[in-house]
Every structure is written in structure tokens, then in C-alpha cells.
Amino acid sequence: LYEQGEALASELKISRSRLFALALEEFIRQRRSRRLLDRINAAYEDPPDAAERALQRAMRRTHRRVVESDG
């Protein structure tokens, strides 16, 4: 891993410490994104209630009309 890091830093013409900083920034960004996705998924865990299902059907009908009128 060390040798691969050295090679990549050399290839990118950056210091090894800069490479590590970039890698850590990316890791933190991915972790933050994953935590956000987990929170979004948790918010949608419950099945839709009757009102939400009715709204979904209405939205599908509207979308279908829009798509068909554009074609």
C-alpha cells in the first residue's frame, strides 16, 4: 500500500502527504454521502399510507399525460 501510494503521488506530481489528505477528504465525503443516504432510506422505510398512494396514482396519471402529449 505504501509503495502504491508513493507511485501514485509521483505519477500525480504531488507529495505523499497531499495524496493522503486527498484520500482522507474523499473518504469523509463518501462517508457523509452514505450517512445521508441511510437517513433518506430510513425516512422512506414506512409503506405509503392511503393518501400517499392516491397522490402517487395522480402523479403517475399526470406524468403519463405529459409524456404522451410530448410524443
N, C-alpha and C. Protein backbone atom coordinates (compact mmCIF):
# COMPACT_ATOMS: atom_id res chain seq x y z
N LEU A 1 0.83 -1.19 0.00
CA LEU A 1 0.00 0.00 0.00
C LEU A 1 0.88 1.25 0.00
N TYR A 2 1.92 1.20 0.81
CA TYR A 2 2.85 2.33 0.87
C TYR A 2 3.48 2.58 -0.50
N GLU A 3 3.95 1.51 -1.13
CA GLU A 3 4.59 1.65 -2.44
C GLU A 3 3.61 2.14 -3.50
N GLN A 4 2.38 1.67 -3.43
CA GLN A 4 1.37 2.15 -4.38
C GLN A 4 1.10 3.63 -4.16
N GLY A 5 1.05 4.05 -2.91
CA GLY A 5 0.85 5.46 -2.60
C GLY A 5 2.00 6.31 -3.11
N GLU A 6 3.21 5.83 -2.89
CA GLU A 6 4.40 6.53 -3.40
C GLU A 6 4.33 6.67 -4.92
N ALA A 7 3.98 5.58 -5.60
CA ALA A 7 3.92 5.58 -7.06
C ALA A 7 2.84 6.54 -7.55
N LEU A 8 1.68 6.52 -6.91
CA LEU A 8 0.59 7.40 -7.33
C LEU A 8 0.93 8.86 -7.07
N ALA A 9 1.52 9.16 -5.94
CA ALA A 9 1.92 10.53 -5.64
C ALA A 9 2.93 11.01 -6.68
N SER A 10 3.85 10.16 -7.03
CA SER A 10 4.85 10.52 -8.04
C SER A 10 4.17 10.75 -9.39
N GLU A 11 3.27 9.86 -9.75
CA GLU A 11 2.55 9.98 -11.02
C GLU A 11 1.75 11.28 -11.08
N LEU A 12 1.12 11.63 -9.98
CA LEU A 12 0.30 12.85 -9.92
C LEU A 12 1.12 14.11 -9.65
N LYS A 13 2.42 13.89 -9.38
CA LYS A 13 3.33 15.00 -9.08
C LYS A 13 2.85 15.81 -7.87
N ILE A 14 2.48 15.07 -6.82
CA ILE A 14 2.08 15.68 -5.55
C ILE A 14 2.82 14.95 -4.43
N SER A 15 2.88 15.58 -3.29
CA SER A 15 3.56 14.93 -2.17
C SER A 15 2.71 13.78 -1.63
N ARG A 16 3.37 12.88 -0.94
CA ARG A 16 2.67 11.76 -0.34
C ARG A 16 1.66 12.27 0.68
N SER A 17 2.02 13.28 1.44
CA SER A 17 1.09 13.80 2.44
C SER A 17 -0.13 14.44 1.76
N ARG A 18 0.07 15.08 0.61
CA ARG A 18 -1.07 15.65 -0.14
C ARG A 18 -1.97 14.53 -0.65
N LEU A 19 -1.36 13.45 -1.11
CA LEU A 19 -2.14 12.30 -1.57
C LEU A 19 -2.98 11.75 -0.42
N PHE A 20 -2.39 11.61 0.75
CA PHE A 20 -3.13 11.12 1.91
C PHE A 20 -4.26 12.07 2.29
N ALA A 21 -4.00 13.36 2.21
CA ALA A 21 -5.04 14.35 2.52
C ALA A 21 -6.20 14.23 1.53
N LEU A 22 -5.88 14.07 0.24
CA LEU A 22 -6.92 13.91 -0.77
C LEU A 22 -7.73 12.64 -0.53
N ALA A 23 -7.03 11.56 -0.18
CA ALA A 23 -7.71 10.30 0.08
C ALA A 23 -8.62 10.42 1.29
N LEU A 24 -8.17 11.10 2.33
CA LEU A 24 -8.98 11.28 3.53
C LEU A 24 -10.20 12.15 3.23
N GLU A 25 -10.01 13.21 2.45
CA GLU A 25 -11.13 14.06 2.06
C GLU A 25 -12.19 13.25 1.32
N GLU A 26 -11.75 12.40 0.40
CA GLU A 26 -12.69 11.57 -0.37
C GLU A 26 -13.39 10.57 0.54
N PHE A 27 -12.67 9.97 1.47
CA PHE A 27 -13.27 9.02 2.40
C PHE A 27 -14.34 9.71 3.23
N ILE A 28 -14.05 10.89 3.74
CA ILE A 28 -15.01 11.64 4.54
C ILE A 28 -16.23 12.01 3.70
N ARG A 29 -16.02 12.44 2.47
CA ARG A 29 -17.12 12.81 1.57
C ARG A 29 -18.01 11.59 1.31
N GLN A 30 -17.40 10.43 1.04
CA GLN A 30 -18.19 9.22 0.79
C GLN A 30 -18.95 8.79 2.03
N ARG A 31 -18.31 8.91 3.18
CA ARG A 31 -18.98 8.52 4.44
C ARG A 31 -20.17 9.44 4.71
N ARG A 32 -19.99 10.73 4.48
CA ARG A 32 -21.07 11.69 4.68
C ARG A 32 -22.23 11.38 3.73
N SER A 33 -21.91 11.07 2.48
CA SER A 33 -22.94 10.73 1.49
C SER A 33 -23.67 9.46 1.90
N ARG A 34 -22.93 8.48 2.38
CA ARG A 34 -23.55 7.22 2.81
C ARG A 34 -24.47 7.44 3.99
N ARG A 35 -24.05 8.27 4.93
CA ARG A 35 -24.89 8.55 6.10
C ARG A 35 -26.17 9.27 5.67
N LEU A 36 -26.06 10.19 4.71
CA LEU A 36 -27.23 10.89 4.19
C LEU A 36 -28.17 9.90 3.51
N LEU A 37 -27.62 9.02 2.69
CA LEU A 37 -28.44 8.02 2.02
C LEU A 37 -29.13 7.11 3.03
N ASP A 38 -28.42 6.73 4.07
CA ASP A 38 -29.03 5.90 5.11
C ASP A 38 -30.20 6.63 5.78
N ARG A 39 -30.04 7.93 6.02
CA ARG A 39 -31.13 8.70 6.65
C ARG A 39 -32.32 8.83 5.70
N ILE A 40 -32.04 9.03 4.40
CA ILE A 40 -33.13 9.12 3.42
C ILE A 40 -33.87 7.79 3.36
N ASN A 41 -33.11 6.69 3.30
CA ASN A 41 -33.74 5.37 3.24
C ASN A 41 -34.58 5.11 4.49
N ALA A 42 -34.09 5.52 5.64
CA ALA A 42 -34.85 5.33 6.88
C ALA A 42 -36.15 6.12 6.84
N ALA A 43 -36.13 7.30 6.23
CA ALA A 43 -37.33 8.12 6.15
C ALA A 43 -38.39 7.48 5.27
N TYR A 44 -37.96 6.66 4.31
CA TYR A 44 -38.90 6.03 3.39
C TYR A 44 -39.16 4.56 3.72
N GLU A 45 -38.76 4.11 4.91
CA GLU A 45 -38.98 2.71 5.30
C GLU A 45 -40.45 2.36 5.43
N ASP A 46 -41.23 3.27 5.98
CA ASP A 46 -42.64 3.00 6.18
C ASP A 46 -43.36 2.97 4.83
N PRO A 47 -44.25 2.01 4.64
CA PRO A 47 -45.00 1.98 3.38
C PRO A 47 -45.92 3.19 3.30
N PRO A 48 -46.23 3.62 2.09
CA PRO A 48 -47.10 4.80 1.95
C PRO A 48 -48.50 4.51 2.48
N ASP A 49 -49.09 5.53 3.08
CA ASP A 49 -50.46 5.37 3.57
C ASP A 49 -51.42 5.61 2.40
N ALA A 50 -52.71 5.54 2.68
CA ALA A 50 -53.72 5.66 1.62
C ALA A 50 -53.63 6.99 0.89
N ALA A 51 -53.42 8.07 1.63
CA ALA A 51 -53.32 9.39 0.99
C ALA A 51 -52.10 9.48 0.08
N GLU A 52 -50.98 8.91 0.53
CA GLU A 52 -49.77 8.93 -0.29
C GLU A 52 -49.93 8.07 -1.54
N ARG A 53 -50.59 6.92 -1.41
CA ARG A 53 -50.84 6.07 -2.59
C ARG A 53 -51.72 6.79 -3.60
N ALA A 54 -52.74 7.50 -3.12
CA ALA A 54 -53.62 8.25 -4.01
C ALA A 54 -52.83 9.35 -4.73
N LEU A 55 -51.95 10.02 -4.00
CA LEU A 55 -51.12 11.05 -4.61
C LEU A 55 -50.19 10.44 -5.66
N GLN A 56 -49.62 9.29 -5.37
CA GLN A 56 -48.75 8.62 -6.35
C GLN A 56 -49.51 8.28 -7.62
N ARG A 57 -50.73 7.76 -7.48
CA ARG A 57 -51.54 7.43 -8.67
C ARG A 57 -51.82 8.68 -9.49
N ALA A 58 -52.15 9.77 -8.82
CA ALA A 58 -52.44 11.02 -9.53
C ALA A 58 -51.20 11.53 -10.24
N MET A 59 -50.06 11.42 -9.59
CA MET A 59 -48.82 11.87 -10.20
C MET A 59 -48.48 11.02 -11.42
N ARG A 60 -48.71 9.71 -11.34
CA ARG A 60 -48.45 8.83 -12.48
C ARG A 60 -49.35 9.18 -13.66
N ARG A 61 -50.63 9.45 -13.39
CA ARG A 61 -51.55 9.83 -14.47
C ARG A 61 -51.09 11.12 -15.13
N THR A 62 -50.72 12.10 -14.32
CA THR A 62 -50.25 13.38 -14.85
C THR A 62 -48.98 13.17 -15.68
N HIS A 63 -48.06 12.40 -15.16
CA HIS A 63 -46.81 12.13 -15.88
C HIS A 63 -47.11 11.44 -17.21
N ARG A 64 -47.98 10.45 -17.19
CA ARG A 64 -48.33 9.73 -18.41
C ARG A 64 -48.91 10.68 -19.45
N ARG A 65 -49.81 11.59 -19.04
CA ARG A 65 -50.40 12.56 -19.98
C ARG A 65 -49.33 13.46 -20.56
N VAL A 66 -48.40 13.93 -19.74
CA VAL A 66 -47.34 14.81 -20.21
C VAL A 66 -46.46 14.09 -21.21
N VAL A 67 -46.07 12.86 -20.90
CA VAL A 67 -45.20 12.09 -21.79
C VAL A 67 -45.91 11.80 -23.10
N GLU A 68 -47.17 11.41 -23.04
CA GLU A 68 -47.92 11.09 -24.25
C GLU A 68 -48.15 12.32 -25.11
N SER A 69 -48.34 13.48 -24.51
CA SER A 69 -48.57 14.70 -25.29
C SER A 69 -47.28 15.22 -25.93
N ASP A 70 -46.10 14.84 -25.37
CA ASP A 70 -44.82 15.25 -25.95
C ASP A 70 -44.43 14.36 -27.12
N GLY A 71 -44.98 13.18 -27.21
CA GLY A 71 -44.59 12.20 -28.22
C GLY A 71 -45.26 12.47 -29.49
